[in-house]
Protein backbone atom coordinates (compact mmCIF):
# COMPACT_ATOMS: atom_id res chain seq x y z
CA MET A 1 -0.05 0.02 0.00
CA GLY A 2 1.30 3.32 -0.72
CA ILE A 3 0.42 6.04 1.69
CA SER A 4 -0.21 9.53 0.74
CA TYR A 5 -0.75 12.48 3.00
CA SER A 6 -2.68 15.61 2.43
CA SER A 7 -3.30 18.76 4.57
CA GLY A 8 -5.74 21.49 4.83
CA ASN A 9 -3.16 24.29 5.10
CA SER A 10 -0.02 23.26 3.49
CA SER A 11 2.09 26.31 4.17
CA SER A 12 1.46 26.12 8.01
CA ASN A 13 1.63 22.36 7.92
CA ARG A 14 5.19 22.54 6.71
CA ALA A 15 6.33 24.12 9.81
CA SER A 16 5.09 21.05 11.80
CA VAL A 17 5.96 18.21 9.49
CA LYS A 18 9.12 18.35 7.47
CA ASN A 19 8.31 16.51 4.26
CA ASP A 20 11.60 17.42 2.55
CA PHE A 21 14.20 14.97 1.46
CA SER A 22 16.50 15.15 4.45
CA PHE A 23 14.29 13.11 6.76
CA ALA A 24 12.73 9.62 6.98
CA ASN A 25 9.32 9.28 8.66
CA VAL A 26 8.74 6.39 11.00
CA VAL A 27 5.41 5.39 12.80
CA SER A 28 6.37 3.63 16.07
CA LEU A 29 4.39 0.64 17.53
CA SER A 30 2.54 3.21 19.73
CA GLY A 31 1.52 5.24 16.70
CA GLU A 32 4.01 8.05 17.42
CA TRP A 33 5.25 9.88 14.38
CA ARG A 34 8.98 10.29 14.38
CA GLN A 35 11.40 12.04 11.93
CA TYR A 36 14.99 10.91 11.57
CA PRO A 37 17.72 12.76 9.80
CA LEU A 38 19.38 10.99 6.88
CA PRO A 39 21.51 8.87 6.39
CA ILE A 40 20.23 6.37 8.97
CA GLN A 41 19.96 2.54 8.97
CA ALA A 42 17.04 0.35 10.04
CA SER A 43 19.10 -1.09 12.76
CA GLN A 44 19.73 2.39 14.35
CA ILE A 45 16.06 2.94 14.60
CA LEU A 46 15.11 -0.40 16.09
CA ASP A 47 17.96 -0.28 18.80
CA SER A 48 18.37 -4.01 18.65
CA GLN A 49 14.75 -4.92 19.57
CA PRO A 50 14.21 -8.57 18.54
CA ASP A 51 10.39 -8.43 18.76
CA VAL A 52 9.82 -5.72 16.08
CA PHE A 53 10.83 -5.03 12.49
CA LEU A 54 10.77 -2.07 10.09
CA CYS A 55 8.94 -1.94 6.80
CA ASN A 56 8.50 0.75 4.04
CA SER A 57 4.89 1.69 3.36
CA ASP A 58 5.46 1.65 -0.43
CA SER A 59 6.48 -2.00 -0.37
CA LEU A 60 3.22 -3.12 1.29
CA ALA A 61 0.71 -4.80 -1.01
CA PHE A 62 -2.78 -6.11 -0.40
CA ASP A 63 -3.12 -9.86 0.35
CA GLU A 64 0.79 -10.25 0.42
CA PHE A 65 3.08 -10.88 3.22
CA ILE A 66 4.77 -7.84 4.84
CA PRO A 67 8.28 -7.42 3.61
CA LYS A 68 10.84 -6.73 6.39
CA LEU A 69 13.48 -3.96 5.83
CA GLY A 70 17.00 -5.42 6.31
CA SER A 71 18.81 -4.08 9.36
CA ALA A 72 21.69 -2.70 7.23
CA GLU A 73 19.39 -0.96 4.81
CA PHE A 74 19.29 2.80 4.70
CA LEU A 75 15.98 4.58 5.02
CA GLN A 76 15.05 6.67 2.03
CA PRO A 77 14.15 10.35 2.10
CA ALA A 78 10.48 11.41 2.43
CA GLN A 79 9.24 7.84 2.93
CA ILE A 80 6.95 6.51 5.57
CA TYR A 81 8.10 3.40 7.68
CA PHE A 82 6.21 1.34 10.10
CA VAL A 83 7.68 -0.46 13.15
CA LEU A 84 5.65 -3.61 13.44
CA PRO A 85 5.69 -6.66 15.69
CA VAL A 86 7.50 -9.67 14.36
CA SER A 87 4.21 -11.67 14.45
CA LYS A 88 2.98 -9.64 11.49
CA LEU A 89 5.70 -11.11 9.27
CA ASN A 90 3.76 -14.45 8.78
CA SER A 91 0.40 -12.89 8.01
CA ARG A 92 -1.02 -11.46 4.77
CA LEU A 93 -2.00 -7.78 4.60
CA THR A 94 -5.85 -7.36 4.55
CA GLY A 95 -8.01 -4.38 3.78
CA PRO A 96 -8.85 -3.70 7.45
CA ASP A 97 -5.09 -4.05 8.28
CA MET A 98 -4.38 -1.32 5.61
CA ALA A 99 -6.97 1.04 6.97
CA ALA A 100 -5.60 0.52 10.41
CA LEU A 101 -2.15 1.41 9.36
CA ALA A 102 -3.49 4.49 7.63
CA VAL A 103 -5.33 5.52 10.70
CA LYS A 104 -2.32 4.85 12.88
CA ALA A 105 -0.06 6.91 10.59
CA SER A 106 -2.69 9.69 10.33
CA ALA A 107 -3.04 9.84 14.10
CA GLY A 108 0.60 9.92 14.52
CA ILE A 109 1.11 12.82 12.09
CA GLN A 110 -1.56 14.74 13.75
CA SER A 111 -0.16 14.31 17.36
CA TYR A 112 3.25 15.31 15.83
CA GLY A 113 1.68 18.48 14.36
CA LYS A 114 0.00 19.25 17.63
CA ASN A 115 3.21 18.97 19.55
CA ALA A 116 5.01 21.18 16.99
CA ARG A 117 2.30 23.78 16.32
CA ARG A 118 -0.17 23.52 19.28
CA GLY A 119 -2.96 21.56 17.65
CA LYS A 120 -3.53 23.27 14.31
CA SER A 121 -2.35 20.44 12.03
CA LYS A 122 -4.96 19.00 9.72
CA ALA A 123 -2.92 16.32 7.95
CA ARG A 124 -4.44 13.01 6.95
CA ILE A 125 -2.96 9.90 5.56
CA SER A 126 -5.01 7.55 3.26
CA PRO A 127 -4.11 4.31 1.53
CA VAL A 128 -3.58 4.56 -2.21
CA VAL A 129 -5.08 1.89 -4.44
CA VAL A 130 -3.32 1.07 -7.65
CA VAL A 131 -4.54 -1.14 -10.46
CA ALA A 132 -1.59 -3.10 -11.87
CA GLU A 133 -1.65 -5.48 -14.75
CA GLU A 134 0.38 -8.48 -14.56
CA VAL A 135 1.75 -9.72 -17.93
CA HIS A 136 2.18 -13.35 -18.38
CA HIS A 137 2.13 -15.58 -21.51
CA HIS A 138 -1.68 -15.22 -21.60
CA ARG A 139 -3.77 -12.09 -20.82
CA GLN A 140 -5.23 -11.80 -17.30
CA PRO A 141 -7.52 -9.31 -15.79
CA PRO A 142 -6.01 -6.42 -13.87
CA VAL A 143 -5.03 -7.10 -10.26
CA LEU A 144 -6.03 -4.78 -7.41
CA GLN A 145 -3.04 -3.94 -5.34
CA PRO A 146 -3.31 -1.34 -2.53
CA MET A 147 0.05 0.16 -1.68
CA SER A 148 0.55 0.43 2.29
CA SER A 149 -0.84 -0.76 5.74
CA THR A 150 -0.73 -3.51 8.52
CA PRO A 151 -2.93 -6.17 10.26
CA GLY A 152 -4.95 -5.41 13.43
CA LEU A 153 -3.36 -2.09 14.42
CA GLN A 154 -5.53 0.29 16.47
CA ALA A 155 -5.31 4.04 16.62
CA SER A 156 -5.04 6.01 19.80
CA GLY A 157 -8.32 6.74 21.74
CA SER A 158 -9.07 10.16 20.49
CA GLY A 159 -12.41 10.85 18.98
CA SER A 160 -11.09 12.14 15.71
CA ALA A 161 -9.02 9.03 15.22
CA ARG A 162 -12.01 6.75 15.93
CA LYS A 163 -14.05 8.84 13.31
CA LEU A 164 -11.16 8.46 10.81
CA GLN A 165 -10.94 4.73 11.52
CA ARG A 166 -14.72 4.20 11.02
CA PHE A 167 -14.69 6.32 7.83
CA SER A 168 -11.57 4.38 6.49
CA SER A 169 -13.11 1.00 7.30
CA LYS A 170 -16.53 1.85 5.55
CA ARG A 171 -14.60 3.34 2.64
CA ALA A 172 -12.40 0.28 2.24
CA LYS A 173 -15.47 -2.06 2.55
CA MET A 174 -17.25 -0.11 -0.14
CA VAL A 175 -14.28 -0.33 -2.47
CA VAL A 176 -14.10 -4.09 -2.01
CA ARG A 177 -17.93 -4.42 -2.55
CA SER A 178 -17.76 -2.30 -5.72
CA PHE A 179 -15.08 -4.58 -7.16
CA LYS A 180 -16.92 -7.70 -6.15
CA LEU A 181 -20.08 -6.47 -7.95
CA ARG A 182 -18.12 -6.10 -11.20
CA LEU A 183 -16.19 -9.24 -11.11
CA ASN A 184 -17.74 -12.36 -12.88
CA THR A 185 -16.33 -15.82 -13.71
CA ILE A 186 -15.02 -16.22 -17.24
CA TYR A 187 -14.96 -19.87 -18.34
CA GLU A 188 -12.28 -21.17 -20.75
CA GLY A 189 -13.41 -21.34 -24.28
CA SER A 190 -16.25 -18.83 -23.80
CA VAL A 191 -16.60 -15.95 -26.24
CA LEU A 192 -17.02 -12.42 -24.91
CA VAL A 193 -19.21 -10.00 -26.80
CA SER A 194 -18.57 -6.36 -26.09
CA SER A 195 -21.37 -3.90 -26.73
């Protein structure tokens, strides 16, 4: 899943969240938004904690296993990374998991903005869904691949975070339903007639 972030007032938001190319953005297990000056390796952020790992939000894909960032790998500028428990390595990323990661990142960036600018930040992070075609020796329908999030994560207890979580969950369910309604089984040897 790729995560994108938007804000209501971009000029004032820049004061609270540095989204230039000299920082890497990390969302901790507790949902705290942290920015690290580059260059920095994954091992420096994790401080030898064996029960967690780091992943890049851009490498997350729907219904795929969460890829672990190597401890010697350097974080990339202006990217969003998640610190996740090792138990998430063996589970596939689901829609609700992606929504939970988006909520967690959004709540983290909002709390970071409040600390830096006394509560006037209006940033929100949303999962980005990309339709990618896989090319093999025979043509297949497009595959839906969201670009970033993780299973079972919960946001902090603030009311706005809960509203955002409800909205994100409903929105994710509506997207899945709309695609399910349009999908049909195509049997081998059948002829498709387009109108």
